[in-house]
Amino acid sequence: MNYTREILDELAEGAIILDGYDDCIVGITEEFGNGPRILYSKKKILEKLTIGIHEDEALEFYYYNIVGGYFGEQNPIFLLDDMF
């Protein structure tokens, strides 16, 4: 599904959206006691990052700057779909 900003704002109000990675969104999650969160594909993010840099550098950037970042209570979450 293609998630526009309007759809994300409506379905996942308050969720953190990573700039430049809209095409890596695979869904919206929810759980008891927490607001909705955006689910990103690790595989798609790494594919996007390796366009400009080596795979090792892309992994380091991913883990340090994306997964390792705390952006707020409704921080994004990541699907480990690169293992298959």
N, C-alpha and C. Protein backbone atom coordinates (compact mmCIF):
# COMPACT_ATOMS: atom_id res chain seq x y z
N MET A 1 0.84 -1.19 0.00
CA MET A 1 0.00 0.00 0.00
C MET A 1 0.88 1.24 0.00
N ASN A 2 0.44 2.25 -0.68
CA ASN A 2 1.13 3.52 -0.72
C ASN A 2 0.56 4.44 0.36
N TYR A 3 1.35 4.77 1.35
CA TYR A 3 0.88 5.61 2.44
C TYR A 3 1.23 7.06 2.18
N THR A 4 0.22 7.89 1.96
CA THR A 4 0.45 9.32 1.80
C THR A 4 0.53 9.94 3.19
N ARG A 5 1.05 11.14 3.26
CA ARG A 5 1.13 11.84 4.54
C ARG A 5 -0.26 12.05 5.13
N GLU A 6 -1.25 12.28 4.28
CA GLU A 6 -2.62 12.48 4.77
C GLU A 6 -3.15 11.21 5.44
N ILE A 7 -2.89 10.06 4.81
CA ILE A 7 -3.33 8.78 5.39
C ILE A 7 -2.59 8.53 6.70
N LEU A 8 -1.29 8.78 6.72
CA LEU A 8 -0.52 8.56 7.94
C LEU A 8 -0.99 9.47 9.06
N ASP A 9 -1.26 10.72 8.74
CA ASP A 9 -1.75 11.66 9.77
C ASP A 9 -3.09 11.23 10.32
N GLU A 10 -3.92 10.64 9.47
CA GLU A 10 -5.24 10.21 9.91
C GLU A 10 -5.19 8.91 10.70
N LEU A 11 -4.45 7.92 10.21
CA LEU A 11 -4.42 6.60 10.84
C LEU A 11 -3.41 6.47 11.97
N ALA A 12 -2.39 7.31 11.94
CA ALA A 12 -1.31 7.19 12.92
C ALA A 12 -0.96 8.55 13.50
N GLU A 13 -1.97 9.24 13.99
CA GLU A 13 -1.76 10.57 14.54
C GLU A 13 -0.71 10.54 15.65
N GLY A 14 0.27 11.40 15.52
CA GLY A 14 1.33 11.51 16.53
C GLY A 14 2.50 10.58 16.31
N ALA A 15 2.39 9.65 15.37
CA ALA A 15 3.49 8.72 15.12
C ALA A 15 4.65 9.45 14.43
N ILE A 16 5.86 9.03 14.74
CA ILE A 16 7.05 9.63 14.14
C ILE A 16 7.22 9.08 12.72
N ILE A 17 7.39 9.97 11.77
CA ILE A 17 7.60 9.60 10.37
C ILE A 17 9.02 10.03 10.00
N LEU A 18 9.81 9.09 9.51
CA LEU A 18 11.19 9.39 9.12
C LEU A 18 11.22 10.09 7.77
N ASP A 19 11.83 11.25 7.72
CA ASP A 19 11.93 12.00 6.46
C ASP A 19 12.73 11.23 5.43
N GLY A 20 12.19 11.15 4.22
CA GLY A 20 12.88 10.52 3.11
C GLY A 20 12.69 9.02 3.00
N TYR A 21 11.90 8.44 3.88
CA TYR A 21 11.72 6.99 3.87
C TYR A 21 10.25 6.58 3.73
N ASP A 22 9.43 7.44 3.18
CA ASP A 22 8.00 7.11 3.01
C ASP A 22 7.81 5.85 2.18
N ASP A 23 8.66 5.63 1.19
CA ASP A 23 8.54 4.45 0.34
C ASP A 23 9.00 3.16 1.03
N CYS A 24 9.49 3.27 2.25
CA CYS A 24 9.94 2.11 3.03
C CYS A 24 8.90 1.70 4.08
N ILE A 25 7.79 2.40 4.14
CA ILE A 25 6.73 2.08 5.10
C ILE A 25 5.96 0.87 4.61
N VAL A 26 5.79 -0.11 5.51
CA VAL A 26 5.04 -1.31 5.16
C VAL A 26 3.75 -1.45 5.96
N GLY A 27 3.55 -0.58 6.93
CA GLY A 27 2.32 -0.67 7.70
C GLY A 27 2.29 0.28 8.90
N ILE A 28 1.19 0.18 9.61
CA ILE A 28 0.98 0.94 10.84
C ILE A 28 0.65 -0.08 11.92
N THR A 29 1.26 0.05 13.08
CA THR A 29 1.03 -0.91 14.15
C THR A 29 0.26 -0.25 15.30
N GLU A 30 -0.30 -1.10 16.12
CA GLU A 30 -0.96 -0.62 17.32
C GLU A 30 -0.80 -1.68 18.40
N GLU A 31 -0.78 -1.24 19.63
CA GLU A 31 -0.73 -2.16 20.75
C GLU A 31 -1.39 -1.50 21.95
N PHE A 32 -1.83 -2.31 22.87
CA PHE A 32 -2.51 -1.81 24.05
C PHE A 32 -1.59 -0.86 24.82
N GLY A 33 -2.11 0.29 25.17
CA GLY A 33 -1.38 1.24 25.98
C GLY A 33 -0.46 2.18 25.23
N ASN A 34 -0.30 1.98 23.95
CA ASN A 34 0.57 2.85 23.14
C ASN A 34 -0.19 3.34 21.92
N GLY A 35 0.23 4.48 21.44
CA GLY A 35 -0.37 5.02 20.22
C GLY A 35 0.13 4.27 19.01
N PRO A 36 -0.46 4.52 17.86
CA PRO A 36 -0.02 3.86 16.63
C PRO A 36 1.42 4.25 16.29
N ARG A 37 2.10 3.34 15.63
CA ARG A 37 3.47 3.57 15.21
C ARG A 37 3.64 3.12 13.77
N ILE A 38 4.59 3.74 13.09
CA ILE A 38 4.86 3.43 11.69
C ILE A 38 5.84 2.25 11.63
N LEU A 39 5.52 1.28 10.78
CA LEU A 39 6.36 0.10 10.58
C LEU A 39 7.13 0.26 9.27
N TYR A 40 8.46 0.22 9.38
CA TYR A 40 9.33 0.36 8.22
C TYR A 40 9.98 -0.98 7.88
N SER A 41 10.26 -1.19 6.61
CA SER A 41 10.98 -2.36 6.15
C SER A 41 12.48 -2.09 6.23
N LYS A 42 13.18 -2.90 7.03
CA LYS A 42 14.63 -2.78 7.11
C LYS A 42 15.26 -3.00 5.74
N LYS A 43 14.76 -3.99 5.02
CA LYS A 43 15.29 -4.32 3.70
C LYS A 43 15.17 -3.12 2.75
N LYS A 44 14.02 -2.47 2.73
CA LYS A 44 13.82 -1.33 1.84
C LYS A 44 14.72 -0.15 2.24
N ILE A 45 14.88 0.06 3.54
CA ILE A 45 15.75 1.15 3.99
C ILE A 45 17.19 0.88 3.55
N LEU A 46 17.65 -0.35 3.76
CA LEU A 46 19.03 -0.68 3.37
C LEU A 46 19.22 -0.60 1.86
N GLU A 47 18.23 -1.01 1.09
CA GLU A 47 18.32 -0.88 -0.36
C GLU A 47 18.47 0.59 -0.76
N LYS A 48 17.73 1.43 -0.09
CA LYS A 48 17.79 2.86 -0.38
C LYS A 48 19.15 3.44 0.01
N LEU A 49 19.66 3.04 1.17
CA LEU A 49 20.95 3.56 1.65
C LEU A 49 22.12 3.10 0.79
N THR A 50 22.07 1.86 0.29
CA THR A 50 23.21 1.34 -0.47
C THR A 50 23.30 1.90 -1.88
N ILE A 51 22.36 2.73 -2.27
CA ILE A 51 22.47 3.40 -3.57
C ILE A 51 23.69 4.32 -3.58
N GLY A 52 23.97 4.97 -2.45
CA GLY A 52 25.06 5.93 -2.41
C GLY A 52 26.29 5.52 -1.64
N ILE A 53 26.18 4.48 -0.81
CA ILE A 53 27.33 4.09 0.02
C ILE A 53 27.46 2.56 0.06
N HIS A 54 28.60 2.10 0.52
CA HIS A 54 28.87 0.67 0.63
C HIS A 54 27.94 0.03 1.67
N GLU A 55 27.66 -1.26 1.49
CA GLU A 55 26.70 -1.97 2.36
C GLU A 55 27.09 -1.90 3.84
N ASP A 56 28.38 -2.01 4.16
CA ASP A 56 28.82 -1.94 5.56
C ASP A 56 28.52 -0.57 6.16
N GLU A 57 28.77 0.47 5.39
CA GLU A 57 28.48 1.83 5.84
C GLU A 57 26.98 2.04 6.01
N ALA A 58 26.21 1.46 5.09
CA ALA A 58 24.75 1.57 5.18
C ALA A 58 24.23 0.90 6.45
N LEU A 59 24.75 -0.27 6.77
CA LEU A 59 24.34 -0.96 8.00
C LEU A 59 24.70 -0.15 9.23
N GLU A 60 25.90 0.40 9.26
CA GLU A 60 26.32 1.22 10.39
C GLU A 60 25.41 2.44 10.54
N PHE A 61 25.14 3.10 9.43
CA PHE A 61 24.24 4.26 9.46
C PHE A 61 22.86 3.86 9.95
N TYR A 62 22.34 2.75 9.44
CA TYR A 62 21.02 2.25 9.82
C TYR A 62 20.93 2.02 11.33
N TYR A 63 21.89 1.27 11.87
CA TYR A 63 21.82 0.93 13.29
C TYR A 63 22.09 2.13 14.20
N TYR A 64 23.00 3.00 13.81
CA TYR A 64 23.35 4.13 14.67
C TYR A 64 22.35 5.28 14.57
N ASN A 65 21.98 5.66 13.36
CA ASN A 65 21.16 6.86 13.15
C ASN A 65 19.67 6.61 13.05
N ILE A 66 19.29 5.42 12.62
CA ILE A 66 17.86 5.16 12.41
C ILE A 66 17.30 4.31 13.54
N VAL A 67 17.79 3.10 13.70
CA VAL A 67 17.30 2.24 14.79
C VAL A 67 17.73 2.81 16.14
N GLY A 68 18.92 3.34 16.21
CA GLY A 68 19.46 3.85 17.48
C GLY A 68 18.92 5.20 17.90
N GLY A 69 18.14 5.83 17.06
CA GLY A 69 17.61 7.15 17.39
C GLY A 69 16.32 7.05 18.19
N TYR A 70 16.19 7.93 19.16
CA TYR A 70 14.92 8.05 19.87
C TYR A 70 14.30 9.36 19.41
N PHE A 71 13.14 9.25 18.75
CA PHE A 71 12.51 10.41 18.15
C PHE A 71 11.27 10.85 18.91
N GLY A 72 10.81 10.03 19.84
CA GLY A 72 9.61 10.36 20.61
C GLY A 72 8.91 9.09 21.06
N GLU A 73 7.82 9.27 21.82
CA GLU A 73 7.10 8.13 22.38
C GLU A 73 6.56 7.18 21.32
N GLN A 74 6.20 7.71 20.17
CA GLN A 74 5.67 6.87 19.10
C GLN A 74 6.75 6.64 18.05
N ASN A 75 7.94 6.28 18.56
CA ASN A 75 9.10 5.99 17.72
C ASN A 75 8.74 4.97 16.64
N PRO A 76 9.33 5.05 15.46
CA PRO A 76 9.06 4.05 14.44
C PRO A 76 9.60 2.69 14.87
N ILE A 77 9.06 1.64 14.26
CA ILE A 77 9.57 0.29 14.49
C ILE A 77 9.95 -0.32 13.14
N PHE A 78 10.75 -1.38 13.18
CA PHE A 78 11.35 -1.89 11.95
C PHE A 78 11.14 -3.39 11.82
N LEU A 79 10.72 -3.78 10.63
CA LEU A 79 10.49 -5.17 10.30
C LEU A 79 11.80 -5.77 9.78
N LEU A 80 12.24 -6.88 10.36
CA LEU A 80 13.47 -7.54 9.95
C LEU A 80 13.20 -8.47 8.77
N ASP A 81 12.89 -7.86 7.65
CA ASP A 81 12.53 -8.62 6.44
C ASP A 81 13.73 -8.85 5.52
N ASP A 82 14.92 -8.52 5.98
CA ASP A 82 16.11 -8.70 5.16
C ASP A 82 16.77 -10.06 5.41
N MET A 83 16.15 -10.89 6.24
CA MET A 83 16.76 -12.15 6.63
C MET A 83 16.32 -13.30 5.74
N PHE A 84 15.47 -13.06 4.77
CA PHE A 84 14.90 -14.13 3.95
C PHE A 84 15.31 -13.99 2.51
